[in-house]
Amino acid sequence: MRTMHYAILALALLATGCSHHPSRQDIGTATGAVVGGIVGNSVTGGSTAGTVVGAGAGALLGSDIGKKLDRK
């Protein structure tokens, strides 16, 4: 279970590490993916599918929130 958390965190850091100045949308996407993955993993009792679905849903929600913050 802990390994999955580290894998999600590493992927999120890699995704945002390529740009010099990440937008709020980029930060929201990465943060949402990490938080969603952790929540999905916890809710489903360590299910890989739950982690993946949670990370995807979190990334979408975080991206949307970040995009709205970038517009302000």
N, C-alpha and C. Protein backbone atom coordinates (compact mmCIF):
# COMPACT_ATOMS: atom_id res chain seq x y z
N MET A 1 0.83 -1.19 0.00
CA MET A 1 0.00 0.00 0.00
C MET A 1 0.88 1.25 0.00
N ARG A 2 1.88 1.28 0.83
CA ARG A 2 2.77 2.44 0.90
C ARG A 2 3.53 2.63 -0.41
N THR A 3 3.88 1.54 -1.05
CA THR A 3 4.59 1.62 -2.32
C THR A 3 3.74 2.33 -3.37
N MET A 4 2.44 2.06 -3.37
CA MET A 4 1.54 2.70 -4.33
C MET A 4 1.51 4.20 -4.10
N HIS A 5 1.50 4.62 -2.84
CA HIS A 5 1.50 6.05 -2.53
C HIS A 5 2.76 6.72 -3.07
N TYR A 6 3.90 6.06 -2.87
CA TYR A 6 5.14 6.63 -3.37
C TYR A 6 5.18 6.68 -4.89
N ALA A 7 4.60 5.68 -5.53
CA ALA A 7 4.56 5.66 -6.99
C ALA A 7 3.71 6.81 -7.52
N ILE A 8 2.56 7.03 -6.89
CA ILE A 8 1.69 8.13 -7.32
C ILE A 8 2.38 9.47 -7.11
N LEU A 9 3.02 9.63 -5.96
CA LEU A 9 3.73 10.88 -5.68
C LEU A 9 4.86 11.11 -6.68
N ALA A 10 5.60 10.06 -7.00
CA ALA A 10 6.68 10.19 -7.97
C ALA A 10 6.16 10.59 -9.35
N LEU A 11 5.07 9.99 -9.77
CA LEU A 11 4.49 10.35 -11.07
C LEU A 11 4.02 11.80 -11.08
N ALA A 12 3.42 12.23 -9.99
CA ALA A 12 2.95 13.62 -9.91
C ALA A 12 4.13 14.58 -9.96
N LEU A 13 5.20 14.27 -9.27
CA LEU A 13 6.37 15.14 -9.28
C LEU A 13 7.03 15.16 -10.66
N LEU A 14 7.07 14.02 -11.32
CA LEU A 14 7.64 13.98 -12.66
C LEU A 14 6.80 14.80 -13.64
N ALA A 15 5.50 14.75 -13.49
CA ALA A 15 4.61 15.48 -14.40
C ALA A 15 4.78 16.98 -14.25
N THR A 16 5.01 17.46 -13.05
CA THR A 16 5.15 18.90 -12.86
C THR A 16 6.60 19.35 -12.89
N GLY A 17 7.53 18.43 -12.79
CA GLY A 17 8.94 18.80 -12.74
C GLY A 17 9.51 19.26 -14.08
N CYS A 18 8.81 19.06 -15.16
CA CYS A 18 9.33 19.41 -16.47
C CYS A 18 9.20 20.88 -16.81
N SER A 19 8.29 21.57 -16.18
CA SER A 19 8.11 22.98 -16.50
C SER A 19 8.81 23.85 -15.47
N HIS A 20 9.22 25.02 -15.89
CA HIS A 20 9.94 25.92 -14.99
C HIS A 20 8.99 26.64 -14.04
N HIS A 21 7.86 27.03 -14.55
CA HIS A 21 6.87 27.75 -13.75
C HIS A 21 5.51 27.08 -13.94
N PRO A 22 5.22 26.09 -13.09
CA PRO A 22 3.93 25.40 -13.27
C PRO A 22 2.76 26.33 -12.98
N SER A 23 1.72 26.16 -13.76
CA SER A 23 0.51 26.95 -13.54
C SER A 23 -0.26 26.36 -12.36
N ARG A 24 -1.24 27.08 -11.93
CA ARG A 24 -2.09 26.56 -10.85
C ARG A 24 -2.84 25.32 -11.32
N GLN A 25 -3.12 25.26 -12.60
CA GLN A 25 -3.79 24.08 -13.15
C GLN A 25 -2.86 22.87 -13.05
N ASP A 26 -1.59 23.05 -13.38
CA ASP A 26 -0.63 21.95 -13.27
C ASP A 26 -0.50 21.47 -11.82
N ILE A 27 -0.40 22.42 -10.91
CA ILE A 27 -0.27 22.08 -9.50
C ILE A 27 -1.54 21.39 -9.00
N GLY A 28 -2.69 21.90 -9.41
CA GLY A 28 -3.95 21.29 -9.02
C GLY A 28 -4.10 19.88 -9.55
N THR A 29 -3.66 19.65 -10.77
CA THR A 29 -3.74 18.32 -11.37
C THR A 29 -2.88 17.33 -10.58
N ALA A 30 -1.64 17.72 -10.32
CA ALA A 30 -0.73 16.83 -9.58
C ALA A 30 -1.22 16.58 -8.16
N THR A 31 -1.63 17.64 -7.49
CA THR A 31 -2.10 17.50 -6.12
C THR A 31 -3.37 16.65 -6.06
N GLY A 32 -4.28 16.91 -6.99
CA GLY A 32 -5.51 16.13 -7.04
C GLY A 32 -5.26 14.66 -7.31
N ALA A 33 -4.30 14.36 -8.17
CA ALA A 33 -3.98 12.97 -8.47
C ALA A 33 -3.42 12.25 -7.25
N VAL A 34 -2.54 12.93 -6.53
CA VAL A 34 -1.96 12.31 -5.34
C VAL A 34 -3.03 12.10 -4.26
N VAL A 35 -3.77 13.15 -3.96
CA VAL A 35 -4.80 13.04 -2.92
C VAL A 35 -5.88 12.04 -3.33
N GLY A 36 -6.32 12.11 -4.57
CA GLY A 36 -7.34 11.17 -5.05
C GLY A 36 -6.86 9.73 -5.02
N GLY A 37 -5.61 9.51 -5.37
CA GLY A 37 -5.05 8.16 -5.32
C GLY A 37 -5.00 7.61 -3.90
N ILE A 38 -4.59 8.46 -2.98
CA ILE A 38 -4.53 8.03 -1.58
C ILE A 38 -5.93 7.74 -1.04
N VAL A 39 -6.87 8.63 -1.33
CA VAL A 39 -8.25 8.42 -0.87
C VAL A 39 -8.84 7.17 -1.52
N GLY A 40 -8.65 7.02 -2.83
CA GLY A 40 -9.18 5.85 -3.52
C GLY A 40 -8.60 4.55 -2.99
N ASN A 41 -7.32 4.57 -2.66
CA ASN A 41 -6.67 3.40 -2.10
C ASN A 41 -7.22 3.08 -0.72
N SER A 42 -7.41 4.11 0.08
CA SER A 42 -7.91 3.91 1.45
C SER A 42 -9.36 3.43 1.46
N VAL A 43 -10.18 4.02 0.62
CA VAL A 43 -11.61 3.69 0.61
C VAL A 43 -11.85 2.25 0.15
N THR A 44 -11.04 1.80 -0.80
CA THR A 44 -11.25 0.46 -1.35
C THR A 44 -10.40 -0.59 -0.65
N GLY A 45 -9.73 -0.23 0.42
CA GLY A 45 -8.93 -1.21 1.16
C GLY A 45 -7.68 -1.66 0.46
N GLY A 46 -7.07 -0.78 -0.31
CA GLY A 46 -5.81 -1.09 -0.97
C GLY A 46 -5.94 -1.60 -2.38
N SER A 47 -7.09 -1.46 -2.97
CA SER A 47 -7.32 -1.92 -4.33
C SER A 47 -6.57 -1.03 -5.33
N THR A 48 -5.88 -1.66 -6.26
CA THR A 48 -5.19 -0.91 -7.30
C THR A 48 -6.17 -0.14 -8.17
N ALA A 49 -7.28 -0.78 -8.49
CA ALA A 49 -8.29 -0.10 -9.31
C ALA A 49 -8.83 1.13 -8.59
N GLY A 50 -9.05 1.03 -7.30
CA GLY A 50 -9.53 2.17 -6.52
C GLY A 50 -8.52 3.30 -6.51
N THR A 51 -7.24 2.95 -6.44
CA THR A 51 -6.18 3.95 -6.47
C THR A 51 -6.14 4.67 -7.81
N VAL A 52 -6.23 3.90 -8.88
CA VAL A 52 -6.17 4.48 -10.22
C VAL A 52 -7.38 5.37 -10.49
N VAL A 53 -8.56 4.88 -10.13
CA VAL A 53 -9.78 5.67 -10.34
C VAL A 53 -9.74 6.93 -9.48
N GLY A 54 -9.31 6.79 -8.23
CA GLY A 54 -9.20 7.95 -7.35
C GLY A 54 -8.21 8.98 -7.87
N ALA A 55 -7.07 8.50 -8.37
CA ALA A 55 -6.07 9.41 -8.92
C ALA A 55 -6.60 10.13 -10.16
N GLY A 56 -7.30 9.41 -11.00
CA GLY A 56 -7.87 10.03 -12.20
C GLY A 56 -8.91 11.07 -11.87
N ALA A 57 -9.81 10.71 -10.96
CA ALA A 57 -10.86 11.65 -10.57
C ALA A 57 -10.25 12.87 -9.86
N GLY A 58 -9.28 12.63 -9.02
CA GLY A 58 -8.62 13.73 -8.32
C GLY A 58 -7.88 14.66 -9.28
N ALA A 59 -7.24 14.08 -10.29
CA ALA A 59 -6.53 14.88 -11.28
C ALA A 59 -7.50 15.77 -12.06
N LEU A 60 -8.63 15.20 -12.45
CA LEU A 60 -9.62 15.99 -13.19
C LEU A 60 -10.18 17.13 -12.33
N LEU A 61 -10.52 16.82 -11.10
CA LEU A 61 -11.07 17.84 -10.21
C LEU A 61 -10.02 18.91 -9.89
N GLY A 62 -8.80 18.47 -9.59
CA GLY A 62 -7.74 19.42 -9.29
C GLY A 62 -7.40 20.31 -10.47
N SER A 63 -7.43 19.74 -11.67
CA SER A 63 -7.17 20.51 -12.88
C SER A 63 -8.24 21.58 -13.08
N ASP A 64 -9.48 21.20 -12.87
CA ASP A 64 -10.58 22.15 -13.04
C ASP A 64 -10.48 23.29 -12.03
N ILE A 65 -10.18 22.96 -10.79
CA ILE A 65 -10.04 24.01 -9.77
C ILE A 65 -8.86 24.92 -10.11
N GLY A 66 -7.73 24.32 -10.49
CA GLY A 66 -6.55 25.11 -10.84
C GLY A 66 -6.79 26.02 -12.05
N LYS A 67 -7.54 25.52 -13.02
CA LYS A 67 -7.85 26.32 -14.20
C LYS A 67 -8.67 27.55 -13.82
N LYS A 68 -9.63 27.33 -12.93
CA LYS A 68 -10.46 28.46 -12.47
C LYS A 68 -9.63 29.46 -11.69
N LEU A 69 -8.66 29.00 -10.92
CA LEU A 69 -7.79 29.92 -10.18
C LEU A 69 -6.85 30.68 -11.12
N ASP A 70 -6.42 30.04 -12.20
CA ASP A 70 -5.56 30.72 -13.19
C ASP A 70 -6.30 31.84 -13.89
N ARG A 71 -7.60 31.72 -14.04
CA ARG A 71 -8.38 32.75 -14.74
C ARG A 71 -8.53 34.01 -13.92
N LYS A 72 -8.40 33.91 -12.61
CA LYS A 72 -8.61 35.07 -11.74
C LYS A 72 -7.45 36.02 -11.81
